[in-house]
Structures are given as C-alpha cells and as structure tokens.
Amino acid sequence: MSRIVFIDLEASGLGPTSWPIEVAWCFLQGGVEAHFIKPEKDWPAEAWDPAAEDLHGISRKELERKGSAAPDVCNRINETLRGRAVYSDAPDWDGFWLYRLFSAAKIRQQFALHDFAELFAAASPEAFAAAKASADQTAPHRHRAKEDVLHMRALFELAGAARDD
C-alpha cells in the first residue's frame, strides 16, 4: 500500500495538440508535490484553449513566470515515482500529456500509469457513491492538479479500498 501514488495533470486544452501545464502527485501516506510546466517552444500556441484556462484558472503568463522546464519536471517525476503504483482518474488524457512532457524533455518515463477505477473493482456501487459524496465534501475536485490528487486520495481512503498491493 505504501507504493500507491495518485497523479493528475492539467493541460492547455483537450485537443489532439494540447500540452501539459501542471502536474501533481500525492502518496497514500505523505505529502503532495505540484509543478507548473513552462510551455515548450514547439508546443502549438493555438492549443491554448481559453475555456480550459477559465476552468483551471492558470494563465499562460503565469506558466512562463513560474513554470519549470520539461527536463526538470520529468527528472523529478521519475526520481519520485519510479517503482511505484501510479494511478490517474483520467489515464488516457494524463498518459497523453505525460507522453508529450517526457518527449519534449527527451527523457524516458520510468513508471507505468494505472486507471484509478481499478482500485474500486471490489467496492459495491453504493459504497463507492457514498465515498464519492464524502470525498466531494472533504477534498473537492477543482480542476487543479494538487486538489485533484487529494480528492483521489480521499476517495480511496473513504471507499475503504486500502489493501495490500
């Protein structure tokens, strides 16, 4: 169980040319880490969706000022998540954005991404619904990476999904 990590990425939009702007992860026991990602020069500007910015509240200017370079973020992710069971509640999108990030950095991703839903295979629909309602109260889903990984952790804990992995 100590190997479980929850990860989330926010992005410039939801299109096929979108790119990652923020990543966060948290451990089942322990801290949370989040990073803004500085846009790469070859990531298309037209992939910046104003509707996505309205949702997550992160401006491109803020990324330029506060963002870390792709290689720095990728090295930190690999250093921290290598050998862990990494779960995403949107593995297709998060996997796509991780691929874009690691490709830009020319660094190999050193962990596998798993579907968060796998953790609830044995939970009854009623137990899951009750846990989700509680998690929505205690750690709301905000479309920000840090808050969203905390929401996943709360949902996992409340659903009683904790078990030896």
N, C-alpha and C. Protein backbone atom coordinates (compact mmCIF):
# COMPACT_ATOMS: atom_id res chain seq x y z
N MET A 1 0.81 -1.19 0.00
CA MET A 1 0.00 0.00 0.00
C MET A 1 0.86 1.27 0.00
N SER A 2 2.04 1.21 0.57
CA SER A 2 2.89 2.40 0.62
C SER A 2 3.41 2.77 -0.77
N ARG A 3 3.24 1.90 -1.74
CA ARG A 3 3.71 2.18 -3.10
C ARG A 3 2.69 2.98 -3.91
N ILE A 4 1.48 3.15 -3.42
CA ILE A 4 0.43 3.83 -4.18
C ILE A 4 0.67 5.33 -4.23
N VAL A 5 0.54 5.87 -5.46
CA VAL A 5 0.66 7.30 -5.71
C VAL A 5 -0.49 7.71 -6.62
N PHE A 6 -1.04 8.89 -6.38
CA PHE A 6 -2.08 9.44 -7.24
C PHE A 6 -1.48 10.60 -8.03
N ILE A 7 -1.75 10.66 -9.34
CA ILE A 7 -1.19 11.72 -10.19
C ILE A 7 -2.30 12.37 -10.99
N ASP A 8 -2.12 13.67 -11.27
CA ASP A 8 -3.06 14.39 -12.11
C ASP A 8 -2.30 15.45 -12.90
N LEU A 9 -2.77 15.68 -14.12
CA LEU A 9 -2.21 16.74 -14.95
C LEU A 9 -3.32 17.67 -15.41
N GLU A 10 -3.01 18.93 -15.51
CA GLU A 10 -3.88 19.91 -16.14
C GLU A 10 -3.22 20.26 -17.46
N ALA A 11 -4.01 20.76 -18.41
CA ALA A 11 -3.47 20.97 -19.75
C ALA A 11 -4.02 22.23 -20.40
N SER A 12 -3.42 22.54 -21.54
CA SER A 12 -3.79 23.73 -22.31
C SER A 12 -5.18 23.62 -22.92
N GLY A 13 -5.68 22.42 -23.00
CA GLY A 13 -7.00 22.15 -23.57
C GLY A 13 -7.20 20.65 -23.66
N LEU A 14 -8.21 20.24 -24.42
CA LEU A 14 -8.49 18.81 -24.56
C LEU A 14 -8.33 18.32 -26.00
N GLY A 15 -7.67 19.08 -26.83
CA GLY A 15 -7.49 18.69 -28.22
C GLY A 15 -6.27 17.82 -28.44
N PRO A 16 -6.12 17.34 -29.68
CA PRO A 16 -5.00 16.45 -30.01
C PRO A 16 -3.63 17.14 -30.00
N THR A 17 -3.60 18.46 -29.97
CA THR A 17 -2.32 19.17 -29.89
C THR A 17 -2.11 19.83 -28.52
N SER A 18 -3.00 19.52 -27.56
CA SER A 18 -2.88 20.11 -26.22
C SER A 18 -1.61 19.62 -25.53
N TRP A 19 -1.20 20.37 -24.53
CA TRP A 19 0.05 20.06 -23.83
C TRP A 19 -0.12 20.31 -22.33
N PRO A 20 0.74 19.65 -21.52
CA PRO A 20 0.60 19.73 -20.06
C PRO A 20 1.05 21.09 -19.52
N ILE A 21 0.32 21.56 -18.51
CA ILE A 21 0.68 22.84 -17.88
C ILE A 21 0.95 22.69 -16.39
N GLU A 22 0.43 21.62 -15.78
CA GLU A 22 0.62 21.42 -14.34
C GLU A 22 0.54 19.93 -14.06
N VAL A 23 1.38 19.48 -13.14
CA VAL A 23 1.35 18.09 -12.69
C VAL A 23 1.45 18.09 -11.17
N ALA A 24 0.73 17.16 -10.56
CA ALA A 24 0.83 16.97 -9.10
C ALA A 24 0.69 15.49 -8.81
N TRP A 25 1.26 15.10 -7.69
CA TRP A 25 1.09 13.73 -7.21
C TRP A 25 1.08 13.75 -5.70
N CYS A 26 0.45 12.72 -5.14
CA CYS A 26 0.48 12.55 -3.69
C CYS A 26 0.52 11.06 -3.38
N PHE A 27 1.14 10.78 -2.27
CA PHE A 27 1.26 9.42 -1.79
C PHE A 27 0.08 9.10 -0.89
N LEU A 28 -0.19 7.82 -0.76
CA LEU A 28 -1.27 7.40 0.13
C LEU A 28 -0.99 7.89 1.55
N GLN A 29 0.25 7.73 1.99
CA GLN A 29 0.67 8.31 3.25
C GLN A 29 1.74 9.33 2.92
N GLY A 30 1.47 10.58 3.20
CA GLY A 30 2.50 11.57 2.98
C GLY A 30 2.08 12.74 2.13
N GLY A 31 3.08 13.41 1.64
CA GLY A 31 2.91 14.72 1.06
C GLY A 31 2.41 14.76 -0.37
N VAL A 32 2.23 16.01 -0.79
CA VAL A 32 1.78 16.34 -2.13
C VAL A 32 2.86 17.20 -2.77
N GLU A 33 3.07 17.00 -4.06
CA GLU A 33 4.02 17.82 -4.79
C GLU A 33 3.35 18.26 -6.09
N ALA A 34 3.50 19.53 -6.45
CA ALA A 34 2.91 20.07 -7.67
C ALA A 34 3.91 20.97 -8.38
N HIS A 35 3.83 20.98 -9.71
CA HIS A 35 4.73 21.79 -10.53
C HIS A 35 3.97 22.39 -11.70
N PHE A 36 4.17 23.69 -11.93
CA PHE A 36 3.77 24.30 -13.19
C PHE A 36 4.81 23.90 -14.22
N ILE A 37 4.37 23.76 -15.47
CA ILE A 37 5.26 23.36 -16.55
C ILE A 37 5.37 24.51 -17.55
N LYS A 38 6.58 24.97 -17.76
CA LYS A 38 6.83 26.05 -18.72
C LYS A 38 6.55 25.51 -20.13
N PRO A 39 5.77 26.25 -20.93
CA PRO A 39 5.48 25.77 -22.29
C PRO A 39 6.76 25.63 -23.12
N GLU A 40 6.83 24.55 -23.85
CA GLU A 40 7.94 24.32 -24.77
C GLU A 40 7.72 25.17 -26.02
N LYS A 41 8.79 25.58 -26.64
CA LYS A 41 8.70 26.44 -27.82
C LYS A 41 7.95 25.79 -28.98
N ASP A 42 8.03 24.46 -29.09
CA ASP A 42 7.35 23.79 -30.21
C ASP A 42 5.94 23.31 -29.88
N TRP A 43 5.45 23.57 -28.66
CA TRP A 43 4.06 23.26 -28.36
C TRP A 43 3.20 24.35 -28.98
N PRO A 44 2.20 23.98 -29.76
CA PRO A 44 1.44 24.97 -30.52
C PRO A 44 0.64 25.95 -29.65
N ALA A 45 0.82 27.23 -29.94
CA ALA A 45 0.09 28.27 -29.20
C ALA A 45 -1.41 28.14 -29.41
N GLU A 46 -1.82 27.69 -30.59
CA GLU A 46 -3.26 27.55 -30.86
C GLU A 46 -3.92 26.44 -30.04
N ALA A 47 -3.11 25.62 -29.36
CA ALA A 47 -3.67 24.59 -28.49
C ALA A 47 -4.09 25.17 -27.14
N TRP A 48 -3.80 26.46 -26.91
CA TRP A 48 -4.23 27.11 -25.67
C TRP A 48 -5.72 27.41 -25.79
N ASP A 49 -6.52 26.77 -24.96
CA ASP A 49 -7.98 26.92 -25.00
C ASP A 49 -8.43 27.85 -23.88
N PRO A 50 -9.00 29.00 -24.21
CA PRO A 50 -9.47 29.93 -23.17
C PRO A 50 -10.50 29.29 -22.23
N ALA A 51 -11.30 28.34 -22.73
CA ALA A 51 -12.27 27.66 -21.86
C ALA A 51 -11.55 26.81 -20.82
N ALA A 52 -10.44 26.18 -21.21
CA ALA A 52 -9.66 25.40 -20.25
C ALA A 52 -9.04 26.33 -19.21
N GLU A 53 -8.54 27.48 -19.65
CA GLU A 53 -7.98 28.45 -18.71
C GLU A 53 -9.04 28.92 -17.72
N ASP A 54 -10.25 29.13 -18.20
CA ASP A 54 -11.34 29.51 -17.29
C ASP A 54 -11.60 28.42 -16.25
N LEU A 55 -11.46 27.17 -16.66
CA LEU A 55 -11.72 26.04 -15.76
C LEU A 55 -10.63 25.88 -14.71
N HIS A 56 -9.36 25.88 -15.12
CA HIS A 56 -8.29 25.65 -14.15
C HIS A 56 -7.72 26.94 -13.57
N GLY A 57 -7.93 28.06 -14.23
CA GLY A 57 -7.52 29.35 -13.69
C GLY A 57 -6.02 29.64 -13.79
N ILE A 58 -5.32 28.93 -14.65
CA ILE A 58 -3.89 29.13 -14.82
C ILE A 58 -3.67 29.84 -16.15
N SER A 59 -2.99 30.98 -16.11
CA SER A 59 -2.74 31.71 -17.35
C SER A 59 -1.41 31.28 -17.97
N ARG A 60 -1.31 31.51 -19.26
CA ARG A 60 -0.06 31.19 -19.95
C ARG A 60 1.08 32.07 -19.41
N LYS A 61 0.79 33.32 -19.07
CA LYS A 61 1.81 34.21 -18.49
C LYS A 61 2.33 33.65 -17.17
N GLU A 62 1.42 33.12 -16.36
CA GLU A 62 1.82 32.53 -15.08
C GLU A 62 2.76 31.33 -15.31
N LEU A 63 2.46 30.52 -16.32
CA LEU A 63 3.33 29.39 -16.65
C LEU A 63 4.71 29.85 -17.08
N GLU A 64 4.74 30.91 -17.88
CA GLU A 64 6.03 31.44 -18.34
C GLU A 64 6.87 31.93 -17.16
N ARG A 65 6.21 32.55 -16.17
CA ARG A 65 6.91 33.09 -14.99
C ARG A 65 7.28 32.02 -13.98
N LYS A 66 6.34 31.14 -13.69
CA LYS A 66 6.52 30.21 -12.57
C LYS A 66 6.80 28.77 -12.98
N GLY A 67 6.69 28.47 -14.26
CA GLY A 67 6.83 27.10 -14.71
C GLY A 67 8.26 26.61 -14.71
N SER A 68 8.40 25.31 -14.52
CA SER A 68 9.71 24.65 -14.60
C SER A 68 9.86 24.02 -15.97
N ALA A 69 11.09 23.92 -16.43
CA ALA A 69 11.38 23.32 -17.73
C ALA A 69 11.03 21.83 -17.73
N ALA A 70 10.62 21.33 -18.88
CA ALA A 70 10.21 19.93 -19.01
C ALA A 70 11.25 18.95 -18.46
N PRO A 71 12.55 19.10 -18.78
CA PRO A 71 13.52 18.13 -18.23
C PRO A 71 13.56 18.13 -16.70
N ASP A 72 13.45 19.30 -16.10
CA ASP A 72 13.47 19.38 -14.63
C ASP A 72 12.26 18.67 -14.04
N VAL A 73 11.08 18.89 -14.63
CA VAL A 73 9.86 18.25 -14.13
C VAL A 73 9.94 16.73 -14.33
N CYS A 74 10.37 16.30 -15.51
CA CYS A 74 10.46 14.86 -15.78
C CYS A 74 11.46 14.15 -14.87
N ASN A 75 12.60 14.77 -14.66
CA ASN A 75 13.58 14.17 -13.74
C ASN A 75 13.00 14.04 -12.34
N ARG A 76 12.29 15.05 -11.88
CA ARG A 76 11.69 15.00 -10.54
C ARG A 76 10.60 13.92 -10.48
N ILE A 77 9.77 13.84 -11.51
CA ILE A 77 8.72 12.82 -11.54
C ILE A 77 9.36 11.43 -11.48
N ASN A 78 10.32 11.17 -12.34
CA ASN A 78 10.96 9.84 -12.34
C ASN A 78 11.64 9.54 -11.01
N GLU A 79 12.34 10.51 -10.47
CA GLU A 79 13.03 10.33 -9.19
C GLU A 79 12.05 9.93 -8.08
N THR A 80 10.88 10.54 -8.10
CA THR A 80 9.91 10.34 -7.03
C THR A 80 8.99 9.13 -7.26
N LEU A 81 8.63 8.86 -8.52
CA LEU A 81 7.59 7.86 -8.79
C LEU A 81 8.11 6.53 -9.31
N ARG A 82 9.38 6.44 -9.63
CA ARG A 82 9.96 5.19 -10.13
C ARG A 82 9.68 4.06 -9.13
N GLY A 83 9.16 2.94 -9.66
CA GLY A 83 8.91 1.77 -8.82
C GLY A 83 7.61 1.82 -8.03
N ARG A 84 6.80 2.81 -8.26
CA ARG A 84 5.55 2.96 -7.51
C ARG A 84 4.35 2.61 -8.40
N ALA A 85 3.23 2.35 -7.76
CA ALA A 85 1.97 2.10 -8.46
C ALA A 85 1.28 3.46 -8.61
N VAL A 86 1.30 4.03 -9.81
CA VAL A 86 0.84 5.39 -10.08
C VAL A 86 -0.55 5.34 -10.72
N TYR A 87 -1.52 5.99 -10.07
CA TYR A 87 -2.91 5.94 -10.51
C TYR A 87 -3.42 7.32 -10.93
N SER A 88 -4.17 7.32 -12.04
CA SER A 88 -4.79 8.52 -12.57
C SER A 88 -6.27 8.26 -12.76
N ASP A 89 -7.10 9.29 -12.51
CA ASP A 89 -8.53 9.14 -12.75
C ASP A 89 -8.89 9.43 -14.21
N ALA A 90 -7.91 9.82 -15.01
CA ALA A 90 -8.09 10.03 -16.45
C ALA A 90 -6.82 9.54 -17.16
N PRO A 91 -6.57 8.23 -17.12
CA PRO A 91 -5.28 7.72 -17.61
C PRO A 91 -5.04 7.96 -19.10
N ASP A 92 -6.08 8.02 -19.90
CA ASP A 92 -5.86 8.27 -21.32
C ASP A 92 -5.32 9.68 -21.54
N TRP A 93 -5.98 10.68 -20.95
CA TRP A 93 -5.52 12.07 -21.09
C TRP A 93 -4.19 12.28 -20.35
N ASP A 94 -4.12 11.85 -19.11
CA ASP A 94 -2.88 12.06 -18.35
C ASP A 94 -1.71 11.33 -19.00
N GLY A 95 -1.96 10.14 -19.54
CA GLY A 95 -0.91 9.41 -20.24
C GLY A 95 -0.45 10.16 -21.49
N PHE A 96 -1.40 10.74 -22.22
CA PHE A 96 -1.07 11.54 -23.40
C PHE A 96 -0.21 12.73 -23.03
N TRP A 97 -0.59 13.45 -21.97
CA TRP A 97 0.18 14.63 -21.57
C TRP A 97 1.53 14.26 -20.97
N LEU A 98 1.61 13.14 -20.26
CA LEU A 98 2.91 12.67 -19.78
C LEU A 98 3.81 12.33 -20.97
N TYR A 99 3.23 11.71 -21.99
CA TYR A 99 4.00 11.40 -23.19
C TYR A 99 4.53 12.68 -23.83
N ARG A 100 3.69 13.70 -23.95
CA ARG A 100 4.12 14.98 -24.53
C ARG A 100 5.25 15.59 -23.70
N LEU A 101 5.09 15.55 -22.38
CA LEU A 101 6.08 16.12 -21.47
C LEU A 101 7.42 15.39 -21.57
N PHE A 102 7.39 14.07 -21.45
CA PHE A 102 8.63 13.30 -21.49
C PHE A 102 9.28 13.34 -22.88
N SER A 103 8.47 13.38 -23.92
CA SER A 103 9.02 13.50 -25.28
C SER A 103 9.74 14.83 -25.45
N ALA A 104 9.13 15.91 -24.96
CA ALA A 104 9.76 17.23 -25.06
C ALA A 104 11.08 17.26 -24.30
N ALA A 105 11.12 16.56 -23.17
CA ALA A 105 12.33 16.55 -22.34
C ALA A 105 13.38 15.56 -22.86
N LYS A 106 12.95 14.68 -23.79
CA LYS A 106 13.84 13.62 -24.30
C LYS A 106 14.33 12.72 -23.16
N ILE A 107 13.38 12.42 -22.28
CA ILE A 107 13.65 11.56 -21.12
C ILE A 107 12.63 10.42 -21.14
N ARG A 108 13.06 9.23 -20.79
CA ARG A 108 12.17 8.07 -20.74
C ARG A 108 11.39 8.06 -19.42
N GLN A 109 10.08 7.92 -19.52
CA GLN A 109 9.22 7.80 -18.33
C GLN A 109 9.52 6.46 -17.66
N GLN A 110 9.74 6.47 -16.35
CA GLN A 110 10.17 5.26 -15.65
C GLN A 110 9.13 4.71 -14.67
N PHE A 111 7.88 4.85 -15.03
CA PHE A 111 6.79 4.28 -14.24
C PHE A 111 5.62 4.04 -15.16
N ALA A 112 4.75 3.13 -14.75
CA ALA A 112 3.53 2.84 -15.52
C ALA A 112 2.36 3.58 -14.89
N LEU A 113 1.44 3.97 -15.73
CA LEU A 113 0.24 4.67 -15.27
C LEU A 113 -0.91 3.68 -15.23
N HIS A 114 -1.66 3.68 -14.12
CA HIS A 114 -2.79 2.77 -13.94
C HIS A 114 -4.09 3.56 -13.81
N ASP A 115 -5.18 2.89 -14.11
CA ASP A 115 -6.51 3.50 -14.01
C ASP A 115 -6.98 3.47 -12.56
N PHE A 116 -7.29 4.64 -12.04
CA PHE A 116 -7.77 4.79 -10.67
C PHE A 116 -8.98 3.89 -10.39
N ALA A 117 -9.82 3.67 -11.40
CA ALA A 117 -11.02 2.83 -11.23
C ALA A 117 -10.67 1.40 -10.84
N GLU A 118 -9.47 0.94 -11.19
CA GLU A 118 -9.04 -0.42 -10.84
C GLU A 118 -9.05 -0.63 -9.32
N LEU A 119 -8.82 0.43 -8.58
CA LEU A 119 -8.75 0.32 -7.12
C LEU A 119 -10.12 0.05 -6.48
N PHE A 120 -11.18 0.21 -7.27
CA PHE A 120 -12.53 0.08 -6.73
C PHE A 120 -13.29 -1.10 -7.31
N ALA A 121 -12.58 -2.01 -7.95
CA ALA A 121 -13.22 -3.16 -8.59
C ALA A 121 -14.07 -3.97 -7.61
N ALA A 122 -13.64 -4.08 -6.36
CA ALA A 122 -14.37 -4.90 -5.39
C ALA A 122 -15.40 -4.10 -4.59
N ALA A 123 -15.43 -2.80 -4.76
CA ALA A 123 -16.35 -1.96 -3.98
C ALA A 123 -17.75 -2.02 -4.58
N SER A 124 -18.75 -2.04 -3.72
CA SER A 124 -20.12 -2.01 -4.21
C SER A 124 -20.42 -0.61 -4.76
N PRO A 125 -21.35 -0.51 -5.69
CA PRO A 125 -21.71 0.81 -6.23
C PRO A 125 -22.21 1.76 -5.13
N GLU A 126 -22.90 1.23 -4.14
CA GLU A 126 -23.41 2.06 -3.06
C GLU A 126 -22.27 2.62 -2.21
N ALA A 127 -21.31 1.74 -1.88
CA ALA A 127 -20.17 2.18 -1.07
C ALA A 127 -19.35 3.21 -1.83
N PHE A 128 -19.18 3.00 -3.12
CA PHE A 128 -18.42 3.95 -3.92
C PHE A 128 -19.15 5.30 -3.98
N ALA A 129 -20.45 5.28 -4.20
CA ALA A 129 -21.23 6.53 -4.28
C ALA A 129 -21.17 7.30 -2.96
N ALA A 130 -21.26 6.59 -1.85
CA ALA A 130 -21.19 7.25 -0.54
C ALA A 130 -19.80 7.84 -0.31
N ALA A 131 -18.77 7.10 -0.69
CA ALA A 131 -17.41 7.60 -0.54
C ALA A 131 -17.19 8.83 -1.43
N LYS A 132 -17.72 8.78 -2.64
CA LYS A 132 -17.56 9.92 -3.55
C LYS A 132 -18.23 11.17 -2.99
N ALA A 133 -19.42 11.01 -2.43
CA ALA A 133 -20.12 12.16 -1.85
C ALA A 133 -19.31 12.75 -0.70
N SER A 134 -18.73 11.90 0.14
CA SER A 134 -17.90 12.38 1.25
C SER A 134 -16.62 13.04 0.75
N ALA A 135 -15.99 12.43 -0.24
CA ALA A 135 -14.76 12.99 -0.79
C ALA A 135 -15.02 14.34 -1.44
N ASP A 136 -16.18 14.48 -2.09
CA ASP A 136 -16.52 15.76 -2.72
C ASP A 136 -16.65 16.87 -1.67
N GLN A 137 -17.02 16.49 -0.45
CA GLN A 137 -17.14 17.47 0.64
C GLN A 137 -15.78 17.78 1.28
N THR A 138 -15.00 16.75 1.54
CA THR A 138 -13.75 16.95 2.27
C THR A 138 -12.58 17.40 1.40
N ALA A 139 -12.55 16.98 0.14
CA ALA A 139 -11.46 17.35 -0.78
C ALA A 139 -12.05 17.52 -2.18
N PRO A 140 -12.70 18.64 -2.42
CA PRO A 140 -13.40 18.83 -3.70
C PRO A 140 -12.50 18.74 -4.92
N HIS A 141 -13.06 18.24 -5.99
CA HIS A 141 -12.41 18.17 -7.30
C HIS A 141 -12.45 19.58 -7.89
N ARG A 142 -11.30 20.18 -8.15
CA ARG A 142 -11.24 21.60 -8.52
C ARG A 142 -10.65 21.88 -9.90
N HIS A 143 -10.26 20.87 -10.64
CA HIS A 143 -9.56 21.08 -11.92
C HIS A 143 -8.24 21.80 -11.72
N ARG A 144 -7.60 21.50 -10.61
CA ARG A 144 -6.23 21.86 -10.34
C ARG A 144 -5.56 20.58 -9.89
N ALA A 145 -4.34 20.37 -10.35
CA ALA A 145 -3.68 19.09 -10.13
C ALA A 145 -3.55 18.72 -8.66
N LYS A 146 -3.12 19.66 -7.82
CA LYS A 146 -2.93 19.35 -6.40
C LYS A 146 -4.25 18.96 -5.74
N GLU A 147 -5.27 19.75 -5.95
CA GLU A 147 -6.57 19.45 -5.34
C GLU A 147 -7.15 18.14 -5.86
N ASP A 148 -6.91 17.85 -7.13
CA ASP A 148 -7.47 16.64 -7.71
C ASP A 148 -6.79 15.37 -7.19
N VAL A 149 -5.48 15.41 -6.93
CA VAL A 149 -4.84 14.22 -6.35
C VAL A 149 -5.28 14.03 -4.90
N LEU A 150 -5.50 15.12 -4.20
CA LEU A 150 -6.01 15.00 -2.83
C LEU A 150 -7.43 14.44 -2.84
N HIS A 151 -8.21 14.80 -3.84
CA HIS A 151 -9.56 14.25 -3.99
C HIS A 151 -9.50 12.74 -4.23
N MET A 152 -8.58 12.30 -5.10
CA MET A 152 -8.44 10.86 -5.35
C MET A 152 -8.04 10.12 -4.08
N ARG A 153 -7.09 10.68 -3.34
CA ARG A 153 -6.66 10.03 -2.10
C ARG A 153 -7.82 9.94 -1.11
N ALA A 154 -8.58 11.01 -0.96
CA ALA A 154 -9.72 11.00 -0.04
C ALA A 154 -10.75 9.95 -0.48
N LEU A 155 -11.03 9.89 -1.76
CA LEU A 155 -11.99 8.90 -2.26
C LEU A 155 -11.49 7.49 -1.99
N PHE A 156 -10.23 7.24 -2.23
CA PHE A 156 -9.65 5.93 -1.97
C PHE A 156 -9.78 5.55 -0.50
N GLU A 157 -9.43 6.49 0.37
CA GLU A 157 -9.50 6.23 1.81
C GLU A 157 -10.94 6.02 2.28
N LEU A 158 -11.85 6.85 1.80
CA LEU A 158 -13.24 6.77 2.23
C LEU A 158 -13.96 5.53 1.71
N ALA A 159 -13.55 5.05 0.55
CA ALA A 159 -14.18 3.86 0.00
C ALA A 159 -13.68 2.58 0.66
N GLY A 160 -12.67 2.73 1.53
CA GLY A 160 -12.14 1.54 2.19
C GLY A 160 -11.42 0.63 1.22
N ALA A 161 -10.91 1.25 0.15
CA ALA A 161 -10.22 0.46 -0.87
C ALA A 161 -8.82 0.09 -0.44
N ALA A 162 -8.37 0.66 0.67
CA ALA A 162 -7.00 0.37 1.11
C ALA A 162 -6.83 -1.12 1.37
N ARG A 163 -5.83 -1.66 0.74
CA ARG A 163 -5.49 -3.06 0.91
C ARG A 163 -4.04 -3.24 0.54
N ASP A 164 -3.46 -4.32 0.87
CA ASP A 164 -2.06 -4.58 0.48
C ASP A 164 -2.01 -4.74 -1.04
N ASP A 165 -1.06 -4.07 -1.66
CA ASP A 165 -0.95 -4.19 -3.12
C ASP A 165 0.21 -5.05 -3.53
